[in-house]
Amino acid sequence: MAFQPIVDVAQRTVFGYEALVRGLQGEDASSILSQVGPRNRYAFDQACRVRAIELASTLGLQSMLSINFLPNAVYRAEACIRLTLATAEKCRFPLERIMFELTEDERTSDVPHLVSIFSEYRKRGFITAIDDFGAGFSNFGLLVDFAPDVIKIDMHLLRNIHLDARRRTIAQGLLAICHGLGSRVIAEGVEQPDEVKVLRDMGVTLFQGYVFARPALAALPPVDWSGALGKA
């Protein structure tokens, strides 16, 4: 398990850390997820949650812990959340500092199922988030029935946004949707100071990406504020 910071550039503080799946030899998430199928999806999802909370607690994380979840592994939200609740209690990790992210890569057409998951998580005190927003169309339908606390704008839309007027126009439209729903926005996958500057000018304050810090295996990496904000 690796961690990457999510930063608040307005306050120059760490908003939280996302827990990222890694193999025993440091293999990236795609190589690990390729081995996950219907038979082991539930066990994998549960193990990742437990490992993320336990490791974050061991490392002394004092901010938000963001965990990706697989909706197709959740057969019933109130039942599948029990181990997470027990682990958080054992580790004395506050539920309000755990954010569950739905990723666009885990597609499902069962919007009522997603809404039931998010509703149960919010009822329990967790923060809810949609990852990779703008990468596809499935999550737009979800927003009709449920507005998450946080929406993460997809990195491919933001890449070289300082050089592309069309990307800026699309990003401004997505930001208007997010703000209209009352959801906070995280610009993810940001790699260049110029991208940070443009997005800050649009009103974005929460960022995640290599320009601030690369993921670190079993560690909470420090933030490179000067490198990221030198031109911002």
Protein backbone atom coordinates (compact mmCIF):
# COMPACT_ATOMS: atom_id res chain seq x y z
CA MET A 1 0.00 0.00 0.00
CA ALA A 2 1.31 3.43 -0.98
CA PHE A 3 0.15 6.92 -0.02
CA GLN A 4 -0.01 10.18 -1.98
CA PRO A 5 -1.00 13.53 -0.45
CA ILE A 6 -3.99 15.64 -1.41
CA VAL A 7 -3.11 19.25 -0.66
CA ASP A 8 -4.94 22.49 0.05
CA VAL A 9 -2.96 25.20 -1.71
CA ALA A 10 -4.98 28.02 -0.15
CA GLN A 11 -3.97 26.92 3.34
CA ARG A 12 -0.70 25.20 2.36
CA THR A 13 -1.79 22.18 4.35
CA VAL A 14 -2.31 18.50 3.63
CA PHE A 15 -6.01 17.77 3.18
CA GLY A 16 -5.42 14.04 3.25
CA TYR A 17 -3.63 11.04 1.77
CA GLU A 18 -5.00 8.58 -0.77
CA ALA A 19 -4.20 4.92 -0.18
CA LEU A 20 -3.03 3.36 -3.44
CA VAL A 21 -2.83 -0.36 -4.13
CA ARG A 22 0.68 -1.69 -4.68
CA GLY A 23 2.11 -5.21 -4.93
CA LEU A 24 4.58 -6.80 -2.54
CA GLN A 25 7.38 -5.81 -4.91
CA GLY A 26 5.95 -2.36 -5.56
CA GLU A 27 3.89 -3.34 -8.62
CA ASP A 28 1.40 -0.65 -9.64
CA ALA A 29 -2.36 -0.82 -9.20
CA SER A 30 -3.16 -1.91 -12.76
CA SER A 31 -1.07 -5.07 -12.50
CA ILE A 32 -2.70 -5.96 -9.19
CA LEU A 33 -6.26 -5.15 -10.25
CA SER A 34 -5.85 -7.27 -13.38
CA GLN A 35 -5.76 -10.28 -11.06
CA VAL A 36 -9.02 -9.37 -9.35
CA GLY A 37 -12.12 -11.16 -10.61
CA PRO A 38 -15.63 -12.02 -9.46
CA ARG A 39 -14.40 -14.77 -7.14
CA ASN A 40 -11.91 -12.68 -5.16
CA ARG A 41 -13.29 -9.15 -5.62
CA TYR A 42 -15.03 -8.98 -2.24
CA ALA A 43 -12.05 -10.35 -0.28
CA PHE A 44 -9.68 -8.01 -2.13
CA ASP A 45 -11.84 -4.96 -1.49
CA GLN A 46 -12.16 -5.77 2.21
CA ALA A 47 -8.43 -6.48 2.60
CA CYS A 48 -7.52 -3.15 0.97
CA ARG A 49 -9.77 -1.21 3.33
CA VAL A 50 -8.36 -2.93 6.40
CA ARG A 51 -4.75 -2.52 5.27
CA ALA A 52 -5.24 1.17 4.44
CA ILE A 53 -6.74 2.01 7.84
CA GLU A 54 -4.24 -0.05 9.81
CA LEU A 55 -1.23 1.37 7.97
CA ALA A 56 -2.51 4.95 8.12
CA SER A 57 -2.98 4.55 11.86
CA THR A 58 0.51 3.09 12.28
CA LEU A 59 2.01 5.98 10.30
CA GLY A 60 0.19 8.49 12.49
CA LEU A 61 -1.97 10.01 9.76
CA GLN A 62 -3.83 13.00 11.24
CA SER A 63 -5.70 14.15 8.12
CA MET A 64 -8.16 12.52 5.71
CA LEU A 65 -7.60 8.94 4.54
CA SER A 66 -8.98 8.34 1.05
CA ILE A 67 -9.78 4.74 0.05
CA ASN A 68 -10.95 3.51 -3.35
CA PHE A 69 -13.73 0.95 -3.25
CA LEU A 70 -15.18 -1.53 -5.74
CA PRO A 71 -18.98 -1.11 -5.89
CA ASN A 72 -19.35 -4.49 -7.57
CA ALA A 73 -17.80 -6.03 -4.44
CA VAL A 74 -20.45 -4.49 -2.20
CA TYR A 75 -23.50 -6.73 -2.23
CA ARG A 76 -25.16 -4.89 0.65
CA ALA A 77 -23.64 -1.69 1.97
CA GLU A 78 -24.73 -2.09 5.58
CA ALA A 79 -23.24 -5.59 5.73
CA CYS A 80 -20.04 -4.98 3.79
CA ILE A 81 -19.10 -1.96 5.90
CA ARG A 82 -18.92 -3.91 9.17
CA LEU A 83 -15.26 -4.90 8.89
CA THR A 84 -14.33 -1.31 8.00
CA LEU A 85 -16.15 -0.03 11.08
CA ALA A 86 -14.52 -2.64 13.29
CA THR A 87 -11.05 -1.83 11.93
CA ALA A 88 -11.52 1.91 12.39
CA GLU A 89 -12.68 1.34 15.96
CA LYS A 90 -9.74 -0.97 16.70
CA CYS A 91 -7.28 1.56 15.29
CA ARG A 92 -9.14 4.52 16.84
CA PHE A 93 -9.35 6.15 13.42
CA PRO A 94 -12.28 8.62 13.23
CA LEU A 95 -14.89 7.72 10.61
CA GLU A 96 -15.24 11.35 9.56
CA ARG A 97 -11.60 11.24 8.40
CA ILE A 98 -12.21 8.35 6.00
CA MET A 99 -13.20 9.20 2.42
CA PHE A 100 -14.46 6.49 0.08
CA GLU A 101 -13.80 7.08 -3.63
CA LEU A 102 -15.81 5.53 -6.44
CA THR A 103 -13.55 5.21 -9.46
CA GLU A 104 -14.77 5.56 -13.05
CA ASP A 105 -12.78 2.43 -13.93
CA GLU A 106 -15.17 0.31 -11.87
CA ARG A 107 -18.20 0.68 -14.12
CA THR A 108 -21.68 -0.39 -13.13
CA SER A 109 -25.01 0.47 -14.67
CA ASP A 110 -26.83 -0.10 -11.38
CA VAL A 111 -27.14 3.50 -10.25
CA PRO A 112 -29.63 2.69 -7.44
CA HIS A 113 -27.02 0.30 -6.02
CA LEU A 114 -24.37 3.05 -6.07
CA VAL A 115 -26.76 5.49 -4.44
CA SER A 116 -27.55 2.98 -1.69
CA ILE A 117 -23.82 2.48 -1.02
CA PHE A 118 -23.06 6.19 -0.87
CA SER A 119 -26.12 6.90 1.27
CA GLU A 120 -25.14 4.21 3.78
CA TYR A 121 -21.55 5.46 3.92
CA ARG A 122 -22.64 9.04 4.47
CA LYS A 123 -25.07 7.93 7.18
CA ARG A 124 -22.16 6.24 8.96
CA GLY A 125 -20.14 9.47 8.89
CA PHE A 126 -17.78 8.73 6.00
CA ILE A 127 -16.92 11.29 3.33
CA THR A 128 -18.07 10.29 -0.17
CA ALA A 129 -16.19 10.99 -3.41
CA ILE A 130 -16.28 10.28 -7.13
CA ASP A 131 -12.88 9.71 -8.74
CA ASP A 132 -11.88 10.36 -12.38
CA PHE A 133 -14.87 12.63 -13.01
CA GLY A 134 -15.01 13.64 -16.66
CA ALA A 135 -13.30 10.46 -17.87
CA GLY A 136 -16.58 8.87 -18.97
CA PHE A 137 -20.32 9.28 -18.82
CA SER A 138 -21.50 6.84 -16.16
CA ASN A 139 -20.85 9.12 -13.19
CA PHE A 140 -22.91 11.96 -14.66
CA GLY A 141 -26.00 9.79 -14.22
CA LEU A 142 -25.11 9.16 -10.60
CA LEU A 143 -25.06 12.90 -9.88
CA VAL A 144 -28.76 13.13 -10.73
CA ASP A 145 -29.55 11.01 -7.67
CA PHE A 146 -26.63 11.64 -5.33
CA ALA A 147 -24.21 14.54 -4.90
CA PRO A 148 -20.96 13.33 -3.30
CA ASP A 149 -19.03 15.43 -0.82
CA VAL A 150 -15.99 15.49 -3.11
CA ILE A 151 -15.51 15.19 -6.88
CA LYS A 152 -12.06 14.51 -8.34
CA ILE A 153 -11.56 15.85 -11.86
CA ASP A 154 -9.85 13.34 -14.15
CA MET A 155 -6.15 13.92 -14.83
CA HIS A 156 -6.42 13.45 -18.61
CA LEU A 157 -8.75 16.40 -18.86
CA LEU A 158 -6.33 18.60 -16.91
CA ARG A 159 -3.12 17.59 -18.65
CA ASN A 160 -1.50 20.69 -20.23
CA ILE A 161 -4.63 22.69 -19.47
CA HIS A 162 -2.53 25.86 -19.56
CA LEU A 163 -1.90 25.23 -23.27
CA ASP A 164 -5.38 24.16 -24.37
CA ALA A 165 -8.37 26.51 -24.44
CA ARG A 166 -10.83 23.67 -25.03
CA ARG A 167 -9.66 21.85 -21.92
CA ARG A 168 -10.07 25.05 -19.94
CA THR A 169 -13.61 25.51 -21.24
CA ILE A 170 -14.59 21.93 -20.36
CA ALA A 171 -12.95 22.19 -16.94
CA GLN A 172 -14.82 25.41 -16.16
CA GLY A 173 -18.09 23.68 -17.07
CA LEU A 174 -17.34 20.72 -14.81
CA LEU A 175 -16.34 23.02 -11.97
CA ALA A 176 -19.64 24.87 -12.31
CA ILE A 177 -21.50 21.55 -12.02
CA CYS A 178 -19.52 20.54 -8.95
CA HIS A 179 -19.97 23.85 -7.20
CA GLY A 180 -23.67 23.88 -8.06
CA LEU A 181 -24.03 20.51 -6.35
CA GLY A 182 -22.14 21.71 -3.30
CA SER A 183 -19.30 19.24 -3.86
CA ARG A 184 -15.66 20.10 -3.19
CA VAL A 185 -13.29 19.64 -6.12
CA ILE A 186 -9.90 17.94 -6.26
CA ALA A 187 -7.75 18.37 -9.36
CA GLU A 188 -5.91 15.07 -9.65
CA GLY A 189 -2.86 13.96 -11.59
CA VAL A 190 -1.46 17.50 -11.81
CA GLU A 191 2.18 17.42 -12.90
CA GLN A 192 3.18 20.99 -13.79
CA PRO A 193 3.21 24.29 -11.87
CA ASP A 194 1.52 25.99 -14.84
CA GLU A 195 -1.40 23.57 -14.56
CA VAL A 196 -1.70 24.44 -10.88
CA LYS A 197 -1.72 28.15 -11.66
CA VAL A 198 -4.50 27.92 -14.25
CA LEU A 199 -6.65 25.75 -12.01
CA ARG A 200 -6.08 28.01 -9.01
CA ASP A 201 -7.25 30.94 -11.12
CA MET A 202 -10.44 28.92 -11.78
CA GLY A 203 -10.98 28.59 -8.03
CA VAL A 204 -9.57 25.12 -7.38
CA THR A 205 -7.80 24.79 -4.02
CA LEU A 206 -7.42 21.01 -3.59
CA PHE A 207 -4.80 19.21 -5.67
CA GLN A 208 -3.16 15.82 -6.03
CA GLY A 209 -0.30 14.92 -8.34
CA TYR A 210 3.39 14.40 -8.95
CA VAL A 211 4.09 18.14 -8.89
CA PHE A 212 3.37 18.05 -5.14
CA ALA A 213 4.54 14.53 -4.26
CA ARG A 214 4.85 11.07 -5.74
CA PRO A 215 3.26 8.10 -3.96
CA ALA A 216 5.46 6.50 -1.32
CA LEU A 217 5.27 2.84 -0.30
CA ALA A 218 4.13 2.44 3.32
CA ALA A 219 4.99 6.09 4.06
CA LEU A 220 3.43 9.57 4.10
CA PRO A 221 5.59 11.55 1.64
CA PRO A 222 6.25 15.26 2.28
CA VAL A 223 4.86 17.93 -0.04
CA ASP A 224 7.11 19.92 -2.39
CA TRP A 225 5.39 23.27 -1.95
CA SER A 226 8.11 25.40 -3.53
CA GLY A 227 8.37 23.25 -6.65
CA ALA A 228 4.61 23.18 -7.19
CA LEU A 229 3.76 26.78 -6.35
CA GLY A 230 6.88 28.52 -7.55
CA LYS A 231 5.04 29.94 -10.56
CA ALA A 232 1.55 29.89 -9.06
